[in-house]
Amino acid sequence: MVEQKYDHDSVQELLTWAKETLKNKSYPSGRYQVNKSTTILDCGKYLESMIAVISRNWENSTFHPTIEQLREFRKKIEEVAG
């Protein structure tokens, strides 16, 4: 397993992707199943909240799982977009 990075550059790259995805509305509409235990009801609102939370708290290791959630969401929608 690749060790995930939580440094400034990798987190900023993820946030930039999230902001672009939100701006371009290039995310699924309606309910979206990320994995067995995660369903997002509104991907736009999800991205807005993830951007806000991660932007403010990325240096705090308590929020690393939040960063992982956004990475998982990104991976899933990029696989679907193909």
N, C-alpha and C. Protein backbone atom coordinates (compact mmCIF):
# COMPACT_ATOMS: atom_id res chain seq x y z
N MET A 1 0.84 -1.19 0.00
CA MET A 1 0.00 0.00 0.00
C MET A 1 0.88 1.25 0.00
N VAL A 2 0.51 2.20 -0.81
CA VAL A 2 1.26 3.45 -0.90
C VAL A 2 0.95 4.29 0.32
N GLU A 3 2.00 4.81 0.92
CA GLU A 3 1.78 5.68 2.08
C GLU A 3 1.21 7.01 1.59
N GLN A 4 0.11 7.41 2.17
CA GLN A 4 -0.50 8.67 1.77
C GLN A 4 0.26 9.84 2.38
N LYS A 5 0.35 10.90 1.62
CA LYS A 5 1.06 12.09 2.09
C LYS A 5 0.06 13.15 2.55
N TYR A 6 0.46 13.85 3.58
CA TYR A 6 -0.37 14.92 4.12
C TYR A 6 0.41 16.22 4.14
N ASP A 7 1.39 16.34 3.23
CA ASP A 7 2.17 17.56 3.17
C ASP A 7 1.40 18.64 2.41
N HIS A 8 1.87 19.86 2.50
CA HIS A 8 1.19 21.01 1.92
C HIS A 8 0.90 20.80 0.43
N ASP A 9 1.91 20.39 -0.34
CA ASP A 9 1.74 20.28 -1.79
C ASP A 9 0.70 19.23 -2.18
N SER A 10 0.75 18.05 -1.56
CA SER A 10 -0.21 17.01 -1.95
C SER A 10 -1.63 17.38 -1.53
N VAL A 11 -1.77 18.02 -0.38
CA VAL A 11 -3.11 18.44 0.06
C VAL A 11 -3.61 19.58 -0.81
N GLN A 12 -2.75 20.51 -1.17
CA GLN A 12 -3.17 21.62 -2.03
C GLN A 12 -3.57 21.12 -3.41
N GLU A 13 -2.86 20.12 -3.92
CA GLU A 13 -3.22 19.54 -5.21
C GLU A 13 -4.60 18.92 -5.15
N LEU A 14 -4.90 18.23 -4.06
CA LEU A 14 -6.22 17.62 -3.87
C LEU A 14 -7.30 18.71 -3.78
N LEU A 15 -7.02 19.77 -3.04
CA LEU A 15 -7.99 20.86 -2.90
C LEU A 15 -8.21 21.56 -4.24
N THR A 16 -7.15 21.75 -5.01
CA THR A 16 -7.28 22.36 -6.34
C THR A 16 -8.17 21.51 -7.23
N TRP A 17 -7.95 20.18 -7.19
CA TRP A 17 -8.80 19.28 -7.95
C TRP A 17 -10.27 19.43 -7.52
N ALA A 18 -10.50 19.46 -6.21
CA ALA A 18 -11.87 19.55 -5.69
C ALA A 18 -12.53 20.86 -6.13
N LYS A 19 -11.80 21.97 -6.07
CA LYS A 19 -12.34 23.27 -6.47
C LYS A 19 -12.66 23.30 -7.96
N GLU A 20 -11.77 22.74 -8.79
CA GLU A 20 -12.01 22.67 -10.23
C GLU A 20 -13.23 21.79 -10.54
N THR A 21 -13.32 20.66 -9.85
CA THR A 21 -14.44 19.74 -10.05
C THR A 21 -15.74 20.43 -9.70
N LEU A 22 -15.74 21.17 -8.60
CA LEU A 22 -16.92 21.90 -8.16
C LEU A 22 -17.27 23.01 -9.17
N LYS A 23 -16.27 23.78 -9.58
CA LYS A 23 -16.49 24.89 -10.50
C LYS A 23 -17.04 24.40 -11.84
N ASN A 24 -16.49 23.30 -12.34
CA ASN A 24 -16.90 22.76 -13.64
C ASN A 24 -18.13 21.86 -13.55
N LYS A 25 -18.61 21.65 -12.33
CA LYS A 25 -19.73 20.74 -12.08
C LYS A 25 -19.48 19.36 -12.70
N SER A 26 -18.22 18.91 -12.64
CA SER A 26 -17.85 17.63 -13.23
C SER A 26 -17.88 16.52 -12.19
N TYR A 27 -18.98 16.47 -11.47
CA TYR A 27 -19.20 15.45 -10.46
C TYR A 27 -20.57 14.82 -10.69
N PRO A 28 -20.78 13.63 -10.15
CA PRO A 28 -22.08 12.97 -10.36
C PRO A 28 -23.24 13.76 -9.74
N SER A 29 -24.38 13.72 -10.38
CA SER A 29 -25.56 14.37 -9.79
C SER A 29 -26.37 13.32 -9.04
N GLY A 30 -27.14 13.79 -8.09
CA GLY A 30 -27.96 12.88 -7.30
C GLY A 30 -27.14 12.07 -6.31
N ARG A 31 -27.72 10.99 -5.82
CA ARG A 31 -27.05 10.12 -4.86
C ARG A 31 -25.85 9.45 -5.51
N TYR A 32 -24.76 9.33 -4.74
CA TYR A 32 -23.56 8.70 -5.28
C TYR A 32 -22.96 7.78 -4.23
N GLN A 33 -22.82 6.52 -4.61
CA GLN A 33 -22.27 5.50 -3.70
C GLN A 33 -20.76 5.45 -3.89
N VAL A 34 -20.01 5.87 -2.85
CA VAL A 34 -18.55 5.86 -2.93
C VAL A 34 -18.02 4.46 -2.61
N ASN A 35 -18.57 3.89 -1.55
CA ASN A 35 -18.20 2.53 -1.16
C ASN A 35 -19.37 1.92 -0.40
N LYS A 36 -19.14 0.74 0.14
CA LYS A 36 -20.24 0.02 0.81
C LYS A 36 -20.88 0.85 1.92
N SER A 37 -20.09 1.66 2.60
CA SER A 37 -20.62 2.37 3.77
C SER A 37 -20.78 3.88 3.56
N THR A 38 -20.51 4.37 2.36
CA THR A 38 -20.59 5.82 2.13
C THR A 38 -21.44 6.14 0.92
N THR A 39 -22.54 6.86 1.17
CA THR A 39 -23.38 7.38 0.10
C THR A 39 -23.43 8.89 0.26
N ILE A 40 -23.14 9.60 -0.81
CA ILE A 40 -23.21 11.06 -0.80
C ILE A 40 -24.53 11.45 -1.45
N LEU A 41 -25.28 12.30 -0.78
CA LEU A 41 -26.58 12.71 -1.29
C LEU A 41 -26.47 13.86 -2.29
N ASP A 42 -25.48 14.74 -2.11
CA ASP A 42 -25.29 15.90 -2.98
C ASP A 42 -23.79 16.12 -3.13
N CYS A 43 -23.24 15.73 -4.26
CA CYS A 43 -21.78 15.79 -4.45
C CYS A 43 -21.26 17.23 -4.42
N GLY A 44 -22.05 18.19 -4.91
CA GLY A 44 -21.64 19.59 -4.86
C GLY A 44 -21.47 20.07 -3.43
N LYS A 45 -22.46 19.80 -2.59
CA LYS A 45 -22.38 20.20 -1.18
C LYS A 45 -21.25 19.45 -0.48
N TYR A 46 -21.07 18.18 -0.84
CA TYR A 46 -19.99 17.38 -0.27
C TYR A 46 -18.65 18.02 -0.57
N LEU A 47 -18.42 18.39 -1.83
CA LEU A 47 -17.16 19.01 -2.20
C LEU A 47 -16.97 20.35 -1.49
N GLU A 48 -18.03 21.15 -1.40
CA GLU A 48 -17.93 22.43 -0.69
C GLU A 48 -17.49 22.22 0.75
N SER A 49 -18.11 21.28 1.43
CA SER A 49 -17.78 21.07 2.84
C SER A 49 -16.39 20.47 3.01
N MET A 50 -16.01 19.55 2.11
CA MET A 50 -14.67 18.96 2.20
C MET A 50 -13.60 20.02 1.98
N ILE A 51 -13.80 20.89 1.00
CA ILE A 51 -12.85 21.97 0.73
C ILE A 51 -12.71 22.86 1.97
N ALA A 52 -13.85 23.23 2.57
CA ALA A 52 -13.82 24.11 3.74
C ALA A 52 -13.10 23.45 4.92
N VAL A 53 -13.44 22.22 5.21
CA VAL A 53 -12.87 21.53 6.37
C VAL A 53 -11.37 21.26 6.17
N ILE A 54 -11.02 20.74 5.01
CA ILE A 54 -9.61 20.39 4.76
C ILE A 54 -8.75 21.64 4.66
N SER A 55 -9.26 22.69 4.03
CA SER A 55 -8.49 23.93 3.91
C SER A 55 -8.09 24.47 5.28
N ARG A 56 -9.00 24.39 6.23
CA ARG A 56 -8.74 24.93 7.56
C ARG A 56 -7.97 23.99 8.47
N ASN A 57 -8.07 22.68 8.25
CA ASN A 57 -7.58 21.72 9.24
C ASN A 57 -6.56 20.70 8.74
N TRP A 58 -6.04 20.85 7.53
CA TRP A 58 -5.23 19.79 6.93
C TRP A 58 -3.98 19.45 7.74
N GLU A 59 -3.45 20.42 8.50
CA GLU A 59 -2.23 20.16 9.27
C GLU A 59 -2.49 19.33 10.53
N ASN A 60 -3.74 19.25 10.93
CA ASN A 60 -4.12 18.51 12.14
C ASN A 60 -4.36 17.04 11.75
N SER A 61 -3.58 16.14 12.33
CA SER A 61 -3.68 14.72 11.95
C SER A 61 -5.05 14.12 12.23
N THR A 62 -5.82 14.73 13.10
CA THR A 62 -7.19 14.27 13.36
C THR A 62 -8.01 14.30 12.08
N PHE A 63 -7.66 15.19 11.15
CA PHE A 63 -8.43 15.36 9.92
C PHE A 63 -7.87 14.55 8.76
N HIS A 64 -6.83 13.76 8.98
CA HIS A 64 -6.29 12.93 7.90
C HIS A 64 -7.33 11.97 7.33
N PRO A 65 -8.21 11.37 8.15
CA PRO A 65 -9.26 10.53 7.56
C PRO A 65 -10.19 11.30 6.62
N THR A 66 -10.41 12.59 6.89
CA THR A 66 -11.24 13.42 6.01
C THR A 66 -10.56 13.59 4.66
N ILE A 67 -9.24 13.79 4.68
CA ILE A 67 -8.47 13.90 3.45
C ILE A 67 -8.57 12.58 2.68
N GLU A 68 -8.49 11.47 3.41
CA GLU A 68 -8.61 10.15 2.75
C GLU A 68 -9.99 9.97 2.11
N GLN A 69 -11.03 10.45 2.78
CA GLN A 69 -12.38 10.35 2.20
C GLN A 69 -12.45 11.08 0.87
N LEU A 70 -11.87 12.27 0.82
CA LEU A 70 -11.90 13.04 -0.43
C LEU A 70 -11.05 12.36 -1.49
N ARG A 71 -9.91 11.80 -1.10
CA ARG A 71 -9.08 11.06 -2.07
C ARG A 71 -9.84 9.85 -2.63
N GLU A 72 -10.58 9.16 -1.78
CA GLU A 72 -11.35 8.00 -2.23
C GLU A 72 -12.45 8.44 -3.20
N PHE A 73 -13.12 9.54 -2.88
CA PHE A 73 -14.16 10.08 -3.75
C PHE A 73 -13.56 10.43 -5.12
N ARG A 74 -12.41 11.10 -5.10
CA ARG A 74 -11.74 11.48 -6.35
C ARG A 74 -11.40 10.26 -7.19
N LYS A 75 -10.80 9.26 -6.54
CA LYS A 75 -10.39 8.04 -7.25
C LYS A 75 -11.61 7.39 -7.91
N LYS A 76 -12.69 7.32 -7.16
CA LYS A 76 -13.90 6.66 -7.66
C LYS A 76 -14.50 7.39 -8.86
N ILE A 77 -14.62 8.72 -8.77
CA ILE A 77 -15.25 9.42 -9.90
C ILE A 77 -14.31 9.49 -11.10
N GLU A 78 -12.99 9.47 -10.87
CA GLU A 78 -12.05 9.44 -12.00
C GLU A 78 -12.06 8.07 -12.68
N GLU A 79 -12.27 6.99 -11.92
CA GLU A 79 -12.38 5.66 -12.52
C GLU A 79 -13.63 5.58 -13.41
N VAL A 80 -14.71 6.15 -12.92
CA VAL A 80 -15.97 6.13 -13.68
C VAL A 80 -15.84 6.97 -14.93
N ALA A 81 -15.20 8.13 -14.80
CA ALA A 81 -15.02 9.03 -15.96
C ALA A 81 -14.08 8.40 -16.98
N GLY A 82 -13.17 7.60 -16.46
CA GLY A 82 -12.31 6.77 -17.23
C GLY A 82 -11.31 7.34 -18.13
